Amino acid sequence: MNVLIVEDDQAIQKFLQNALETLPQVFNVYLTDSAAKAMNLAQDIKIDFFIVDIQLVDYKGTDLVKQLRTMPAYMYTPIVFETAVLTEELYAYRELKCFYYLVKPFTQLECQKVIQDVLQYLSHFEMDEGKIRIEQKGFIFEYLLKDLFYIESFGKKICLHIKRDGILLNEMISSYSLKASMELLDDRFVQVHKSFIINQDMVEQIDKVGQTIRLRGVDTLIPIGLKYRQYIL
């Protein structure tokens, strides 16, 4: 499990690292005192949870987390804030979906309790891997991947084509791209056109001549884009 600690006080960095290492679980702990380096690490390595100081020297921790939350891979990743200013805690909860906060100075026991809560949350989250979670206007909507037939792009919106109780439903989602959607999906999904992602489990027929795909129980034929042929043919 990969943990990123973003803290500019080296003594607190070490304290947090020791708190993690005394737990029975095995962690890969990454340390940085810089928001810029934290962003680079988050892009290069899949981080499972973050511990972030709200007041960094080069950047506000809350601004760093704002950026992280725009990345589909980290929209729901647990983030624990460290803070010496309690008034900042409410903003962190409401706006940034902070998992918890540690008020400085904190004890090793307090730190470990929060980490154990994070691990319990992650174990539950992993059991729900068959779902896609999408945020819209402060609400989180969940969709079963097995019910998702295909996703269609309409500029700055996408449409989820989902079958429920034998009926194919269309749900429009704002401010999501196909690229962002792919990061939330598992291996059964593949992009076959600049405007379409399909669930390969739902494929009924592939027309190599007509360059189209028919999905089970779906009237619409899905086009295959030239640059995507290698992924489906």
Protein backbone atom coordinates (compact mmCIF):
# COMPACT_ATOMS: atom_id res chain seq x y z
CA MET A 1 0.00 0.00 0.00
CA ASN A 2 1.39 3.37 -1.05
CA VAL A 3 1.17 6.31 1.35
CA LEU A 4 2.27 9.84 0.50
CA ILE A 5 3.12 12.18 3.38
CA VAL A 6 3.28 15.85 2.37
CA GLU A 7 4.86 17.69 5.29
CA ASP A 8 7.60 20.33 5.40
CA ASP A 9 8.66 19.61 9.00
CA GLN A 10 11.14 16.72 8.82
CA ALA A 11 10.58 15.80 12.47
CA ILE A 12 6.85 15.34 11.84
CA GLN A 13 7.62 13.45 8.62
CA LYS A 14 9.69 10.99 10.65
CA PHE A 15 7.05 10.81 13.38
CA LEU A 16 4.34 9.87 10.86
CA GLN A 17 6.60 7.38 9.11
CA ASN A 18 7.37 5.68 12.44
CA ALA A 19 3.66 5.54 13.27
CA LEU A 20 3.02 3.71 9.99
CA GLU A 21 5.97 1.36 10.37
CA THR A 22 4.89 0.20 13.84
CA LEU A 23 1.59 -1.09 12.44
CA PRO A 24 1.37 -4.72 11.23
CA GLN A 25 0.48 -3.72 7.66
CA VAL A 26 3.21 -3.13 5.08
CA PHE A 27 3.37 0.39 3.65
CA ASN A 28 5.46 1.99 0.94
CA VAL A 29 5.91 5.44 2.46
CA TYR A 30 6.76 8.38 0.21
CA LEU A 31 7.86 11.65 1.83
CA THR A 32 7.97 15.15 0.39
CA ASP A 33 7.98 18.71 1.69
CA SER A 34 6.78 20.18 -1.60
CA ALA A 35 3.34 20.36 -3.18
CA ALA A 36 4.88 20.30 -6.66
CA LYS A 37 6.82 17.11 -5.87
CA ALA A 38 3.68 15.63 -4.34
CA MET A 39 1.78 16.17 -7.61
CA ASN A 40 4.58 14.54 -9.59
CA LEU A 41 4.63 11.53 -7.26
CA ALA A 42 0.83 11.19 -7.44
CA GLN A 43 1.03 11.14 -11.24
CA ASP A 44 3.85 8.59 -11.34
CA ILE A 45 2.68 6.27 -8.55
CA LYS A 46 -0.83 5.15 -7.56
CA ILE A 47 -1.18 6.49 -4.02
CA ASP A 48 -3.66 4.68 -1.76
CA PHE A 49 -3.97 7.45 0.79
CA PHE A 50 -2.45 10.82 1.62
CA ILE A 51 -1.42 12.65 4.79
CA VAL A 52 -1.16 16.37 4.00
CA ASP A 53 -0.15 19.36 6.10
CA ILE A 54 -2.62 22.17 5.48
CA GLN A 55 0.06 24.88 5.78
CA LEU A 56 3.00 24.03 3.53
CA VAL A 57 5.84 26.46 2.90
CA ASP A 58 5.48 26.52 -0.89
CA TYR A 59 1.71 25.99 -1.19
CA LYS A 60 -1.45 25.56 0.85
CA GLY A 61 -2.21 21.90 1.44
CA THR A 62 -5.87 22.56 0.69
CA ASP A 63 -4.95 23.91 -2.75
CA LEU A 64 -2.83 20.82 -3.40
CA VAL A 65 -5.77 18.59 -2.51
CA LYS A 66 -8.06 20.63 -4.78
CA GLN A 67 -5.74 19.67 -7.64
CA LEU A 68 -5.63 16.03 -6.58
CA ARG A 69 -9.43 15.87 -6.46
CA THR A 70 -9.60 16.93 -10.12
CA MET A 71 -7.72 13.73 -11.05
CA PRO A 72 -10.18 10.83 -11.55
CA ALA A 73 -7.80 8.41 -9.81
CA TYR A 74 -7.94 10.49 -6.61
CA MET A 75 -11.52 11.74 -6.51
CA TYR A 76 -12.33 9.44 -3.58
CA THR A 77 -8.89 8.58 -2.20
CA PRO A 78 -8.71 9.04 1.59
CA ILE A 79 -6.84 12.21 2.55
CA VAL A 80 -5.94 12.99 6.16
CA PHE A 81 -5.10 16.60 6.93
CA GLU A 82 -2.73 17.82 9.61
CA THR A 83 -3.70 21.21 10.97
CA ALA A 84 -2.89 23.58 13.80
CA VAL A 85 -5.86 25.81 12.91
CA LEU A 86 -9.22 24.26 13.73
CA THR A 87 -11.19 26.78 11.66
CA GLU A 88 -9.73 25.23 8.48
CA GLU A 89 -11.11 21.80 9.35
CA LEU A 90 -14.72 22.54 8.36
CA TYR A 91 -13.71 23.80 4.91
CA ALA A 92 -11.60 20.69 4.38
CA TYR A 93 -14.52 18.41 5.19
CA ARG A 94 -17.09 20.19 3.07
CA GLU A 95 -15.15 21.19 0.02
CA LEU A 96 -12.35 18.66 -0.28
CA LYS A 97 -13.89 15.48 1.15
CA CYS A 98 -11.24 15.23 3.85
CA PHE A 99 -11.34 11.76 5.45
CA TYR A 100 -10.11 13.00 8.84
CA TYR A 101 -7.80 15.57 10.38
CA LEU A 102 -5.04 15.45 12.97
CA VAL A 103 -4.67 18.50 15.21
CA LYS A 104 -1.07 19.39 16.00
CA PRO A 105 0.46 18.34 18.28
CA PHE A 106 -0.93 14.81 17.97
CA THR A 107 0.20 11.55 19.56
CA GLN A 108 1.32 8.38 17.85
CA LEU A 109 -1.79 6.65 19.20
CA GLU A 110 -4.06 9.28 17.62
CA CYS A 111 -2.22 8.94 14.34
CA GLN A 112 -2.44 5.15 14.33
CA LYS A 113 -6.16 5.23 15.15
CA VAL A 114 -6.80 7.44 12.10
CA ILE A 115 -4.65 5.19 9.89
CA GLN A 116 -6.57 2.10 11.04
CA ASP A 117 -9.82 3.87 10.18
CA VAL A 118 -8.43 4.62 6.71
CA LEU A 119 -7.46 0.97 6.23
CA GLN A 120 -10.92 -0.19 7.28
CA TYR A 121 -12.47 2.24 4.80
CA LEU A 122 -10.16 1.04 2.01
CA SER A 123 -10.98 -2.61 2.69
CA HIS A 124 -14.68 -1.79 2.29
CA PHE A 125 -13.95 0.30 -0.81
CA GLU A 126 -12.14 -2.63 -2.44
CA MET A 127 -15.17 -4.86 -1.92
CA ASP A 128 -17.16 -2.43 -4.06
CA GLU A 129 -14.82 -2.49 -7.04
CA GLY A 130 -17.70 -3.56 -9.28
CA LYS A 131 -19.06 -0.02 -9.18
CA ILE A 132 -18.25 3.29 -10.79
CA ARG A 133 -18.66 6.36 -8.58
CA ILE A 134 -19.36 9.72 -10.18
CA GLU A 135 -19.77 13.05 -8.41
CA GLN A 136 -22.36 15.55 -9.59
CA LYS A 137 -23.15 18.80 -7.75
CA GLY A 138 -21.87 17.50 -4.43
CA PHE A 139 -23.63 14.14 -4.67
CA ILE A 140 -21.96 10.80 -5.39
CA PHE A 141 -23.81 8.41 -7.70
CA GLU A 142 -22.91 4.73 -7.97
CA TYR A 143 -23.46 2.51 -11.01
CA LEU A 144 -22.84 -1.22 -11.31
CA LEU A 145 -20.26 -1.90 -14.02
CA LYS A 146 -22.06 -5.08 -15.05
CA ASP A 147 -25.10 -2.95 -15.99
CA LEU A 148 -23.09 -0.38 -17.96
CA PHE A 149 -23.23 -1.18 -21.70
CA TYR A 150 -21.44 1.80 -23.18
CA ILE A 151 -20.47 5.44 -22.62
CA GLU A 152 -20.98 8.10 -25.25
CA SER A 153 -19.27 11.49 -25.36
CA PHE A 154 -21.08 14.76 -26.08
CA GLY A 155 -18.39 17.42 -25.77
CA LYS A 156 -18.15 18.33 -22.09
CA LYS A 157 -20.77 15.74 -21.15
CA ILE A 158 -20.95 11.97 -21.29
CA CYS A 159 -23.96 9.68 -21.46
CA LEU A 160 -23.99 6.39 -19.53
CA HIS A 161 -26.10 3.75 -21.27
CA ILE A 162 -27.19 1.43 -18.47
CA LYS A 163 -29.63 -1.47 -18.45
CA ARG A 164 -31.89 -1.79 -15.40
CA ASP A 165 -34.75 -4.26 -15.13
CA GLY A 166 -34.34 -5.06 -18.81
CA ILE A 167 -34.66 -1.42 -19.90
CA LEU A 168 -31.77 0.56 -21.40
CA LEU A 169 -31.55 3.93 -19.64
CA ASN A 170 -29.52 7.00 -20.59
CA GLU A 171 -27.96 9.13 -17.86
CA MET A 172 -26.22 12.38 -18.76
CA ILE A 173 -23.16 13.35 -16.70
CA SER A 174 -21.67 16.85 -16.83
CA SER A 175 -17.98 17.81 -16.78
CA TYR A 176 -16.61 14.32 -17.53
CA SER A 177 -14.55 13.23 -20.52
CA LEU A 178 -14.07 9.74 -21.95
CA LYS A 179 -10.45 9.86 -20.80
CA ALA A 180 -11.51 10.61 -17.24
CA SER A 181 -14.14 7.86 -17.44
CA MET A 182 -11.60 5.25 -18.55
CA GLU A 183 -9.59 5.85 -15.38
CA LEU A 184 -12.63 4.82 -13.32
CA LEU A 185 -13.38 1.62 -15.25
CA ASP A 186 -11.90 -1.88 -15.17
CA ASP A 187 -10.37 -4.05 -17.90
CA ARG A 188 -13.67 -5.12 -19.43
CA PHE A 189 -14.09 -1.62 -20.91
CA VAL A 190 -12.31 -0.39 -24.02
CA GLN A 191 -12.47 2.80 -26.07
CA VAL A 192 -13.39 1.97 -29.66
CA HIS A 193 -14.01 5.46 -31.05
CA LYS A 194 -13.25 9.04 -30.06
CA SER A 195 -16.83 9.22 -28.77
CA PHE A 196 -17.47 5.70 -27.44
CA ILE A 197 -16.33 3.32 -24.70
CA ILE A 198 -17.94 -0.13 -24.64
CA ASN A 199 -18.29 -2.98 -22.18
CA GLN A 200 -16.68 -5.93 -24.00
CA ASP A 201 -18.87 -8.38 -22.05
CA MET A 202 -21.87 -6.96 -23.92
CA VAL A 203 -20.53 -7.41 -27.45
CA GLU A 204 -22.84 -9.50 -29.64
CA GLN A 205 -21.25 -8.98 -33.05
CA ILE A 206 -18.32 -7.13 -34.64
CA ASP A 207 -18.72 -6.15 -38.28
CA LYS A 208 -15.17 -5.90 -39.62
CA VAL A 209 -16.35 -4.70 -43.02
CA GLY A 210 -18.76 -2.07 -41.76
CA GLN A 211 -16.48 -1.19 -38.83
CA THR A 212 -19.29 -1.34 -36.29
CA ILE A 213 -20.10 -3.18 -33.08
CA ARG A 214 -23.49 -4.50 -32.03
CA LEU A 215 -24.12 -4.83 -28.30
CA ARG A 216 -26.66 -7.27 -26.88
CA GLY A 217 -30.13 -5.76 -26.80
CA VAL A 218 -28.93 -2.37 -28.09
CA ASP A 219 -30.29 -0.97 -31.35
CA THR A 220 -27.53 1.60 -31.82
CA LEU A 221 -24.50 0.35 -33.76
CA ILE A 222 -21.23 1.54 -32.21
CA PRO A 223 -18.68 2.80 -34.77
CA ILE A 224 -15.05 1.66 -34.62
CA GLY A 225 -12.56 4.49 -35.08
CA LEU A 226 -9.49 3.84 -37.23
CA LYS A 227 -6.99 4.54 -34.43
CA TYR A 228 -8.89 2.19 -32.06
CA ARG A 229 -9.17 -0.86 -34.34
CA GLN A 230 -6.21 -2.60 -32.70
CA TYR A 231 -8.01 -2.66 -29.35
CA ILE A 232 -11.13 -4.45 -30.54
CA LEU A 233 -10.47 -6.27 -33.86
